[in-house]
Amino acid sequence: MSWDRNVVIKNKEELQRMREAGYVNALALQTVRDMVRPGVTTIELDAAAEEVIRRHGGKPIFKGYPGPYPFPATLCTSVNQELVHGIPARRKLVEGDIISIDCGTLLGGFVGDSAITVGVGEISPTAQKLLAVTEQSLYEGIDKMRVGNRTGDVSYAIQKYVEEHGFFVTHEYTGHGVGREMHEGPQVPNYGTPGRGIELRPGMTVALEPMVLVGTAKTRVTSDQWTVVSADGSLTAHFEHTVAVTENEPEILTALAEHA
């Protein structure tokens, strides 16, 4: 699938609305991050995120999202070998787990989309390295979100950083433009070739989301028809920010610190 024909340039007013949606999304993720501990269930995290979003006048954009059947929750909660699209349930987190928490908020007609991966209590050295590398690869990609660069420059920066540290990026799921819709153009994979792809212009807004695996780039979808797991059962991690291309530095639209 490609959304590259649907690149929507945002004006100043639209970018401000995206900041507001991104801020609420960041608040929801921060609330959930603070709840992560052994014994908490993923459905409890989901309820807390939805409460924050609705209290601020937003709508959970994932809930009801079309697929094999409408996605049933506010969050995607993906634990350990689950890469993305995990469905919240009564599963209790245990010491040593890592959990990817992906959240999307519709507010004022625009979407904020971001994700974090969090350790539950004390985690293994491999898990610690995986989280650090995945998060930093996101910032390597963000740094390339500059006027005149191309999507391939962003993709390559993510891939290069991850592979230099001995991990793998998925080739099956990608970052994407975001705005009035959760999925717009351009499509931004986590692998690519410098100098290739769509040229970045001011007002473009993209959800960059490195999805990184310890043992393989291959994935499969479980019997719930949503949850994506590593093919070999190895650990995975996922970080995401919605980012705007500007005339100057890239602007993260889904970080609490960015809200004025």
C-alpha atoms as a PDB file:
ATOM      1  CA  MET A   1       0.000   0.000   0.000  1.00  0.00           C
ATOM      2  CA  SER A   2       1.214   3.527  -0.725  1.00  0.00           C
ATOM      3  CA  TRP A   3      -0.210   6.861   0.348  1.00  0.00           C
ATOM      4  CA  ASP A   4       2.319   8.878  -1.653  1.00  0.00           C
ATOM      5  CA  ARG A   5      -0.351  10.464  -3.852  1.00  0.00           C
ATOM      6  CA  ASN A   6      -1.999  11.917  -0.766  1.00  0.00           C
ATOM      7  CA  VAL A   7       0.682  14.280   0.609  1.00  0.00           C
ATOM      8  CA  VAL A   8      -1.095  17.142   2.366  1.00  0.00           C
ATOM      9  CA  ILE A   9       0.825  20.336   3.169  1.00  0.00           C
ATOM     10  CA  LYS A  10      -0.356  21.981   6.400  1.00  0.00           C
ATOM     11  CA  ASN A  11      -0.594  25.724   6.958  1.00  0.00           C
ATOM     12  CA  LYS A  12       0.216  27.483  10.253  1.00  0.00           C
ATOM     13  CA  GLU A  13      -3.299  27.100  11.652  1.00  0.00           C
ATOM     14  CA  GLU A  14      -3.416  23.427  10.787  1.00  0.00           C
ATOM     15  CA  LEU A  15       0.003  22.836  12.354  1.00  0.00           C
ATOM     16  CA  GLN A  16      -1.230  24.481  15.546  1.00  0.00           C
ATOM     17  CA  ARG A  17      -4.191  22.110  15.640  1.00  0.00           C
ATOM     18  CA  MET A  18      -1.789  19.213  15.174  1.00  0.00           C
ATOM     19  CA  ARG A  19       0.298  20.477  18.106  1.00  0.00           C
ATOM     20  CA  GLU A  20      -2.821  20.479  20.259  1.00  0.00           C
ATOM     21  CA  ALA A  21      -3.777  16.940  19.234  1.00  0.00           C
ATOM     22  CA  GLY A  22      -0.175  15.829  19.733  1.00  0.00           C
ATOM     23  CA  TYR A  23      -0.053  17.367  23.188  1.00  0.00           C
ATOM     24  CA  VAL A  24      -3.142  15.484  24.350  1.00  0.00           C
ATOM     25  CA  ASN A  25      -1.720  12.288  22.873  1.00  0.00           C
ATOM     26  CA  ALA A  26       1.531  12.874  24.753  1.00  0.00           C
ATOM     27  CA  LEU A  27      -0.409  13.413  27.992  1.00  0.00           C
ATOM     28  CA  ALA A  28      -2.192  10.099  27.490  1.00  0.00           C
ATOM     29  CA  LEU A  29       1.092   8.280  26.875  1.00  0.00           C
ATOM     30  CA  GLN A  30       2.732   9.919  29.900  1.00  0.00           C
ATOM     31  CA  THR A  31      -0.193   8.863  32.096  1.00  0.00           C
ATOM     32  CA  VAL A  32       0.109   5.290  30.893  1.00  0.00           C
ATOM     33  CA  ARG A  33       3.918   5.241  31.203  1.00  0.00           C
ATOM     34  CA  ASP A  34       3.564   6.192  34.872  1.00  0.00           C
ATOM     35  CA  MET A  35       1.179   3.252  35.416  1.00  0.00           C
ATOM     36  CA  VAL A  36       3.433   0.552  33.958  1.00  0.00           C
ATOM     37  CA  ARG A  37       4.476  -1.883  36.685  1.00  0.00           C
ATOM     38  CA  PRO A  38       4.198  -5.602  37.434  1.00  0.00           C
ATOM     39  CA  GLY A  39       0.569  -6.627  37.940  1.00  0.00           C
ATOM     40  CA  VAL A  40      -1.107  -3.889  35.892  1.00  0.00           C
ATOM     41  CA  THR A  41      -3.235  -5.126  32.993  1.00  0.00           C
ATOM     42  CA  THR A  42      -3.079  -3.775  29.476  1.00  0.00           C
ATOM     43  CA  ILE A  43      -6.828  -3.071  29.573  1.00  0.00           C
ATOM     44  CA  GLU A  44      -6.244  -0.822  32.607  1.00  0.00           C
ATOM     45  CA  LEU A  45      -3.670   1.118  30.605  1.00  0.00           C
ATOM     46  CA  ASP A  46      -6.150   1.385  27.757  1.00  0.00           C
ATOM     47  CA  ALA A  47      -8.913   2.775  29.975  1.00  0.00           C
ATOM     48  CA  ALA A  48      -6.582   5.375  31.461  1.00  0.00           C
ATOM     49  CA  ALA A  49      -5.458   6.600  28.044  1.00  0.00           C
ATOM     50  CA  GLU A  50      -9.026   6.892  26.805  1.00  0.00           C
ATOM     51  CA  GLU A  51     -10.029   8.871  29.896  1.00  0.00           C
ATOM     52  CA  VAL A  52      -7.247  11.423  29.305  1.00  0.00           C
ATOM     53  CA  ILE A  53      -8.084  11.809  25.625  1.00  0.00           C
ATOM     54  CA  ARG A  54     -11.811  12.256  26.178  1.00  0.00           C
ATOM     55  CA  ARG A  55     -11.320  14.578  29.147  1.00  0.00           C
ATOM     56  CA  HIS A  56      -9.437  16.932  26.831  1.00  0.00           C
ATOM     57  CA  GLY A  57     -12.137  16.826  24.178  1.00  0.00           C
ATOM     58  CA  GLY A  58     -10.434  14.312  21.919  1.00  0.00           C
ATOM     59  CA  LYS A  59     -11.401  11.007  20.389  1.00  0.00           C
ATOM     60  CA  PRO A  60      -9.293   7.808  20.344  1.00  0.00           C
ATOM     61  CA  ILE A  61      -8.521   7.455  16.625  1.00  0.00           C
ATOM     62  CA  PHE A  62      -7.530   3.759  16.798  1.00  0.00           C
ATOM     63  CA  LYS A  63     -10.873   2.657  18.258  1.00  0.00           C
ATOM     64  CA  GLY A  64     -13.011   1.284  15.446  1.00  0.00           C
ATOM     65  CA  TYR A  65     -10.193   1.601  12.890  1.00  0.00           C
ATOM     66  CA  PRO A  66     -11.023  -0.699   9.954  1.00  0.00           C
ATOM     67  CA  GLY A  67      -9.130  -3.926   9.485  1.00  0.00           C
ATOM     68  CA  PRO A  68      -9.978  -7.625   9.680  1.00  0.00           C
ATOM     69  CA  TYR A  69     -12.562  -6.305  12.178  1.00  0.00           C
ATOM     70  CA  PRO A  70     -12.783  -2.820  13.760  1.00  0.00           C
ATOM     71  CA  PHE A  71      -9.910  -2.313  16.191  1.00  0.00           C
ATOM     72  CA  PRO A  72     -11.488  -2.594  19.655  1.00  0.00           C
ATOM     73  CA  ALA A  73      -9.318  -0.312  21.791  1.00  0.00           C
ATOM     74  CA  THR A  74      -7.745   3.104  22.348  1.00  0.00           C
ATOM     75  CA  LEU A  75      -4.188   1.790  22.567  1.00  0.00           C
ATOM     76  CA  CYS A  76      -2.115  -0.815  20.822  1.00  0.00           C
ATOM     77  CA  THR A  77      -0.306  -2.639  23.643  1.00  0.00           C
ATOM     78  CA  SER A  78       2.371  -4.977  22.315  1.00  0.00           C
ATOM     79  CA  VAL A  79       4.416  -7.027  24.800  1.00  0.00           C
ATOM     80  CA  ASN A  80       7.876  -8.572  24.255  1.00  0.00           C
ATOM     81  CA  GLN A  81       7.801 -10.368  20.886  1.00  0.00           C
ATOM     82  CA  GLU A  82       4.676  -8.410  19.853  1.00  0.00           C
ATOM     83  CA  LEU A  83       5.866  -5.685  17.505  1.00  0.00           C
ATOM     84  CA  VAL A  84       2.703  -3.629  16.851  1.00  0.00           C
ATOM     85  CA  HIS A  85      -1.114  -3.732  16.957  1.00  0.00           C
ATOM     86  CA  GLY A  86      -1.436  -5.724  20.181  1.00  0.00           C
ATOM     87  CA  ILE A  87      -4.972  -5.624  21.606  1.00  0.00           C
ATOM     88  CA  PRO A  88      -5.395  -4.606  25.277  1.00  0.00           C
ATOM     89  CA  ALA A  89      -6.791  -7.354  27.481  1.00  0.00           C
ATOM     90  CA  ARG A  90      -6.752  -8.650  31.058  1.00  0.00           C
ATOM     91  CA  ARG A  91      -3.160  -9.792  30.648  1.00  0.00           C
ATOM     92  CA  LYS A  92      -1.024  -8.729  33.604  1.00  0.00           C
ATOM     93  CA  LEU A  93       2.438  -7.329  32.977  1.00  0.00           C
ATOM     94  CA  VAL A  94       5.261  -9.108  34.783  1.00  0.00           C
ATOM     95  CA  GLU A  95       8.740  -8.087  35.858  1.00  0.00           C
ATOM     96  CA  GLY A  96      11.106  -8.055  32.904  1.00  0.00           C
ATOM     97  CA  ASP A  97       8.481  -7.476  30.206  1.00  0.00           C
ATOM     98  CA  ILE A  98       8.797  -4.657  27.715  1.00  0.00           C
ATOM     99  CA  ILE A  99       5.622  -3.116  26.322  1.00  0.00           C
ATOM    100  CA  SER A 100       5.097  -0.952  23.262  1.00  0.00           C
ATOM    101  CA  ILE A 101       2.254   1.514  23.800  1.00  0.00           C
ATOM    102  CA  ASP A 102       0.929   3.172  20.642  1.00  0.00           C
ATOM    103  CA  CYS A 103      -1.714   5.891  20.911  1.00  0.00           C
ATOM    104  CA  GLY A 104      -3.610   8.118  18.497  1.00  0.00           C
ATOM    105  CA  THR A 105      -5.800  11.154  19.248  1.00  0.00           C
ATOM    106  CA  LEU A 106      -8.215  13.035  17.013  1.00  0.00           C
ATOM    107  CA  LEU A 107      -8.723  16.593  18.259  1.00  0.00           C
ATOM    108  CA  GLY A 108      -9.947  19.632  16.359  1.00  0.00           C
ATOM    109  CA  GLY A 109     -10.060  17.641  13.152  1.00  0.00           C
ATOM    110  CA  PHE A 110      -6.397  16.560  13.283  1.00  0.00           C
ATOM    111  CA  VAL A 111      -4.512  13.499  14.499  1.00  0.00           C
ATOM    112  CA  GLY A 112      -1.610  13.086  16.906  1.00  0.00           C
ATOM    113  CA  ASP A 113       0.078   9.669  16.684  1.00  0.00           C
ATOM    114  CA  SER A 114       2.976   8.495  18.843  1.00  0.00           C
ATOM    115  CA  ALA A 115       4.354   5.448  20.644  1.00  0.00           C
ATOM    116  CA  ILE A 116       6.791   4.483  23.379  1.00  0.00           C
ATOM    117  CA  THR A 117       8.248   1.202  24.606  1.00  0.00           C
ATOM    118  CA  VAL A 118       8.629   0.832  28.355  1.00  0.00           C
ATOM    119  CA  GLY A 119      10.341  -1.710  30.577  1.00  0.00           C
ATOM    120  CA  VAL A 120       8.368  -3.357  33.379  1.00  0.00           C
ATOM    121  CA  GLY A 121      10.530  -3.272  36.478  1.00  0.00           C
ATOM    122  CA  GLU A 122      14.063  -4.553  35.910  1.00  0.00           C
ATOM    123  CA  ILE A 123      14.665  -5.655  32.318  1.00  0.00           C
ATOM    124  CA  SER A 124      17.468  -7.606  30.671  1.00  0.00           C
ATOM    125  CA  PRO A 125      20.579  -5.955  29.197  1.00  0.00           C
ATOM    126  CA  THR A 126      19.375  -6.984  25.720  1.00  0.00           C
ATOM    127  CA  ALA A 127      16.027  -5.310  26.325  1.00  0.00           C
ATOM    128  CA  GLN A 128      17.722  -2.177  27.650  1.00  0.00           C
ATOM    129  CA  LYS A 129      19.903  -1.970  24.549  1.00  0.00           C
ATOM    130  CA  LEU A 130      16.924  -2.607  22.278  1.00  0.00           C
ATOM    131  CA  LEU A 131      14.925   0.240  23.818  1.00  0.00           C
ATOM    132  CA  ALA A 132      17.859   2.646  23.671  1.00  0.00           C
ATOM    133  CA  VAL A 133      18.709   1.827  20.055  1.00  0.00           C
ATOM    134  CA  THR A 134      15.106   1.968  18.871  1.00  0.00           C
ATOM    135  CA  GLU A 135      14.439   5.321  20.527  1.00  0.00           C
ATOM    136  CA  GLN A 136      17.673   6.837  19.230  1.00  0.00           C
ATOM    137  CA  SER A 137      16.947   5.561  15.717  1.00  0.00           C
ATOM    138  CA  LEU A 138      13.748   7.612  15.819  1.00  0.00           C
ATOM    139  CA  TYR A 139      15.774  10.747  16.540  1.00  0.00           C
ATOM    140  CA  GLU A 140      18.251   9.849  13.805  1.00  0.00           C
ATOM    141  CA  GLY A 141      15.298   9.823  11.411  1.00  0.00           C
ATOM    142  CA  ILE A 142      13.810  13.025  12.808  1.00  0.00           C
ATOM    143  CA  ASP A 143      17.117  14.821  12.247  1.00  0.00           C
ATOM    144  CA  LYS A 144      16.787  14.108   8.518  1.00  0.00           C
ATOM    145  CA  MET A 145      13.281  15.618   8.323  1.00  0.00           C
ATOM    146  CA  ARG A 146      14.586  18.767   6.668  1.00  0.00           C
ATOM    147  CA  VAL A 147      13.666  20.750   3.588  1.00  0.00           C
ATOM    148  CA  GLY A 148      15.423  19.343   0.510  1.00  0.00           C
ATOM    149  CA  ASN A 149      16.026  15.898   1.957  1.00  0.00           C
ATOM    150  CA  ARG A 150      13.995  12.977   0.680  1.00  0.00           C
ATOM    151  CA  THR A 151      12.074  10.269   2.452  1.00  0.00           C
ATOM    152  CA  GLY A 152      14.862   7.835   1.581  1.00  0.00           C
ATOM    153  CA  ASP A 153      17.298   9.925   3.636  1.00  0.00           C
ATOM    154  CA  VAL A 154      15.032   9.579   6.667  1.00  0.00           C
ATOM    155  CA  SER A 155      14.492   5.853   6.130  1.00  0.00           C
ATOM    156  CA  TYR A 156      18.192   5.167   5.617  1.00  0.00           C
ATOM    157  CA  ALA A 157      19.169   7.031   8.797  1.00  0.00           C
ATOM    158  CA  ILE A 158      16.858   4.813  10.842  1.00  0.00           C
ATOM    159  CA  GLN A 159      18.000   1.606   9.173  1.00  0.00           C
ATOM    160  CA  LYS A 160      21.697   2.449   9.399  1.00  0.00           C
ATOM    161  CA  TYR A 161      21.576   3.203  13.114  1.00  0.00           C
ATOM    162  CA  VAL A 162      19.587   0.069  13.953  1.00  0.00           C
ATOM    163  CA  GLU A 163      21.703  -2.283  11.866  1.00  0.00           C
ATOM    164  CA  GLU A 164      24.972  -0.801  13.143  1.00  0.00           C
ATOM    165  CA  HIS A 165      23.839  -1.938  16.588  1.00  0.00           C
ATOM    166  CA  GLY A 166      23.048  -5.474  15.472  1.00  0.00           C
ATOM    167  CA  PHE A 167      19.272  -5.320  15.278  1.00  0.00           C
ATOM    168  CA  PHE A 168      16.733  -5.510  12.453  1.00  0.00           C
ATOM    169  CA  VAL A 169      14.055  -3.173  11.066  1.00  0.00           C
ATOM    170  CA  THR A 170      10.803  -4.533   9.747  1.00  0.00           C
ATOM    171  CA  HIS A 171      10.261  -4.222   6.005  1.00  0.00           C
ATOM    172  CA  GLU A 172       6.537  -4.875   6.301  1.00  0.00           C
ATOM    173  CA  TYR A 173       5.253  -1.886   8.309  1.00  0.00           C
ATOM    174  CA  THR A 174       6.122   1.769   7.819  1.00  0.00           C
ATOM    175  CA  GLY A 175       5.878   5.316   9.023  1.00  0.00           C
ATOM    176  CA  HIS A 176       3.377   7.512   7.243  1.00  0.00           C
ATOM    177  CA  GLY A 177       2.041  10.976   6.705  1.00  0.00           C
ATOM    178  CA  VAL A 178      -0.591  12.083   9.200  1.00  0.00           C
ATOM    179  CA  GLY A 179      -2.969  15.016   9.486  1.00  0.00           C
ATOM    180  CA  ARG A 180      -6.739  15.052   9.106  1.00  0.00           C
ATOM    181  CA  GLU A 181      -6.391  11.310   8.486  1.00  0.00           C
ATOM    182  CA  MET A 182      -4.276   8.864  10.444  1.00  0.00           C
ATOM    183  CA  HIS A 183      -2.702   7.620   7.225  1.00  0.00           C
ATOM    184  CA  GLU A 184      -1.735  10.169   4.571  1.00  0.00           C
ATOM    185  CA  GLY A 185       1.254  10.446   2.258  1.00  0.00           C
ATOM    186  CA  PRO A 186       4.136  10.021   2.199  1.00  0.00           C
ATOM    187  CA  GLN A 187       4.918   6.467   3.217  1.00  0.00           C
ATOM    188  CA  VAL A 188       8.234   6.402   5.110  1.00  0.00           C
ATOM    189  CA  PRO A 189       9.692   2.900   5.621  1.00  0.00           C
ATOM    190  CA  ASN A 190      12.331   2.152   8.234  1.00  0.00           C
ATOM    191  CA  TYR A 191      14.771   1.168   5.496  1.00  0.00           C
ATOM    192  CA  GLY A 192      15.744   2.954   2.309  1.00  0.00           C
ATOM    193  CA  THR A 193      18.270   4.569   0.010  1.00  0.00           C
ATOM    194  CA  PRO A 194      19.604   8.112   0.466  1.00  0.00           C
ATOM    195  CA  GLY A 195      18.473  10.556  -2.194  1.00  0.00           C
ATOM    196  CA  ARG A 196      15.428   8.494  -3.144  1.00  0.00           C
ATOM    197  CA  GLY A 197      11.756   9.042  -2.444  1.00  0.00           C
ATOM    198  CA  ILE A 198       9.625  12.153  -2.101  1.00  0.00           C
ATOM    199  CA  GLU A 199      11.323  15.491  -1.442  1.00  0.00           C
ATOM    200  CA  LEU A 200      10.501  16.973   1.946  1.00  0.00           C
ATOM    201  CA  ARG A 201       8.762  20.353   1.981  1.00  0.00           C
ATOM    202  CA  PRO A 202       7.659  22.724   4.755  1.00  0.00           C
ATOM    203  CA  GLY A 203       4.254  21.759   6.117  1.00  0.00           C
ATOM    204  CA  MET A 204       4.655  18.029   5.578  1.00  0.00           C
ATOM    205  CA  THR A 205       3.773  16.027   8.687  1.00  0.00           C
ATOM    206  CA  VAL A 206       4.899  12.450   9.164  1.00  0.00           C
ATOM    207  CA  ALA A 207       4.557   9.857  11.907  1.00  0.00           C
ATOM    208  CA  LEU A 208       8.013   8.284  12.011  1.00  0.00           C
ATOM    209  CA  GLU A 209       7.969   4.945  13.806  1.00  0.00           C
ATOM    210  CA  PRO A 210      10.996   2.670  13.951  1.00  0.00           C
ATOM    211  CA  MET A 211       9.901  -0.918  14.611  1.00  0.00           C
ATOM    212  CA  VAL A 212      12.948  -2.920  15.624  1.00  0.00           C
ATOM    213  CA  LEU A 213      13.513  -6.638  16.218  1.00  0.00           C
ATOM    214  CA  VAL A 214      16.353  -8.468  17.967  1.00  0.00           C
ATOM    215  CA  GLY A 215      16.586 -11.626  15.898  1.00  0.00           C
ATOM    216  CA  THR A 216      14.968 -11.206  12.494  1.00  0.00           C
ATOM    217  CA  ALA A 217      13.248  -8.722  10.198  1.00  0.00           C
ATOM    218  CA  LYS A 218      10.463 -11.232   9.571  1.00  0.00           C
ATOM    219  CA  THR A 219       7.066 -11.020  11.241  1.00  0.00           C
ATOM    220  CA  ARG A 220       3.734 -12.811  11.294  1.00  0.00           C
ATOM    221  CA  VAL A 221       0.204 -11.911  12.374  1.00  0.00           C
ATOM    222  CA  THR A 222      -1.361 -13.899  15.219  1.00  0.00           C
ATOM    223  CA  SER A 223      -4.780 -15.542  15.257  1.00  0.00           C
ATOM    224  CA  ASP A 224      -6.461 -12.363  16.585  1.00  0.00           C
ATOM    225  CA  GLN A 225      -5.772 -10.976  13.067  1.00  0.00           C
ATOM    226  CA  TRP A 226      -4.237  -7.763  14.426  1.00  0.00           C
ATOM    227  CA  THR A 227      -1.182  -8.485  16.590  1.00  0.00           C
ATOM    228  CA  VAL A 228       2.121  -8.559  14.692  1.00  0.00           C
ATOM    229  CA  VAL A 229       4.914 -10.625  16.276  1.00  0.00           C
ATOM    230  CA  SER A 230       8.519 -11.413  15.419  1.00  0.00           C
ATOM    231  CA  ALA A 231       8.731 -14.603  13.375  1.00  0.00           C
ATOM    232  CA  ASP A 232      11.331 -16.085  15.720  1.00  0.00           C
ATOM    233  CA  GLY A 233       9.762 -14.961  18.995  1.00  0.00           C
ATOM    234  CA  SER A 234      12.560 -12.519  19.768  1.00  0.00           C
ATOM    235  CA  LEU A 235      12.074  -9.176  21.517  1.00  0.00           C
ATOM    236  CA  THR A 236      10.801  -6.133  19.629  1.00  0.00           C
ATOM    237  CA  ALA A 237      10.440  -2.402  20.298  1.00  0.00           C
ATOM    238  CA  HIS A 238       8.616   0.547  18.774  1.00  0.00           C
ATOM    239  CA  PHE A 239       8.927   4.322  19.196  1.00  0.00           C
ATOM    240  CA  GLU A 240       7.019   6.979  17.267  1.00  0.00           C
ATOM    241  CA  HIS A 241       6.567  10.747  16.999  1.00  0.00           C
ATOM    242  CA  THR A 242       4.541  12.919  14.671  1.00  0.00           C
ATOM    243  CA  VAL A 243       7.013  15.349  13.099  1.00  0.00           C
ATOM    244  CA  ALA A 244       6.572  18.474  10.975  1.00  0.00           C
ATOM    245  CA  VAL A 245       9.014  19.651   8.317  1.00  0.00           C
ATOM    246  CA  THR A 246       9.632  23.394   8.764  1.00  0.00           C
ATOM    247  CA  GLU A 247      11.865  26.001   7.147  1.00  0.00           C
ATOM    248  CA  ASN A 248      14.288  25.386  10.002  1.00  0.00           C
ATOM    249  CA  GLU A 249      14.567  22.500  12.480  1.00  0.00           C
ATOM    250  CA  PRO A 250      12.178  19.530  12.397  1.00  0.00           C
ATOM    251  CA  GLU A 251       9.369  20.010  14.914  1.00  0.00           C
ATOM    252  CA  ILE A 252       8.100  17.152  17.061  1.00  0.00           C
ATOM    253  CA  LEU A 253       4.338  17.612  17.409  1.00  0.00           C
ATOM    254  CA  THR A 254       3.757  14.835  19.960  1.00  0.00           C
ATOM    255  CA  ALA A 255       6.216  15.777  22.727  1.00  0.00           C
ATOM    256  CA  LEU A 256       5.043  17.390  25.959  1.00  0.00           C
ATOM    257  CA  ALA A 257       8.007  19.754  25.939  1.00  0.00           C
ATOM    258  CA  GLU A 258       7.002  21.086  22.542  1.00  0.00           C
ATOM    259  CA  HIS A 259       3.639  22.404  23.738  1.00  0.00           C
ATOM    260  CA  ALA A 260       3.548  26.143  24.276  1.00  0.00           C
END
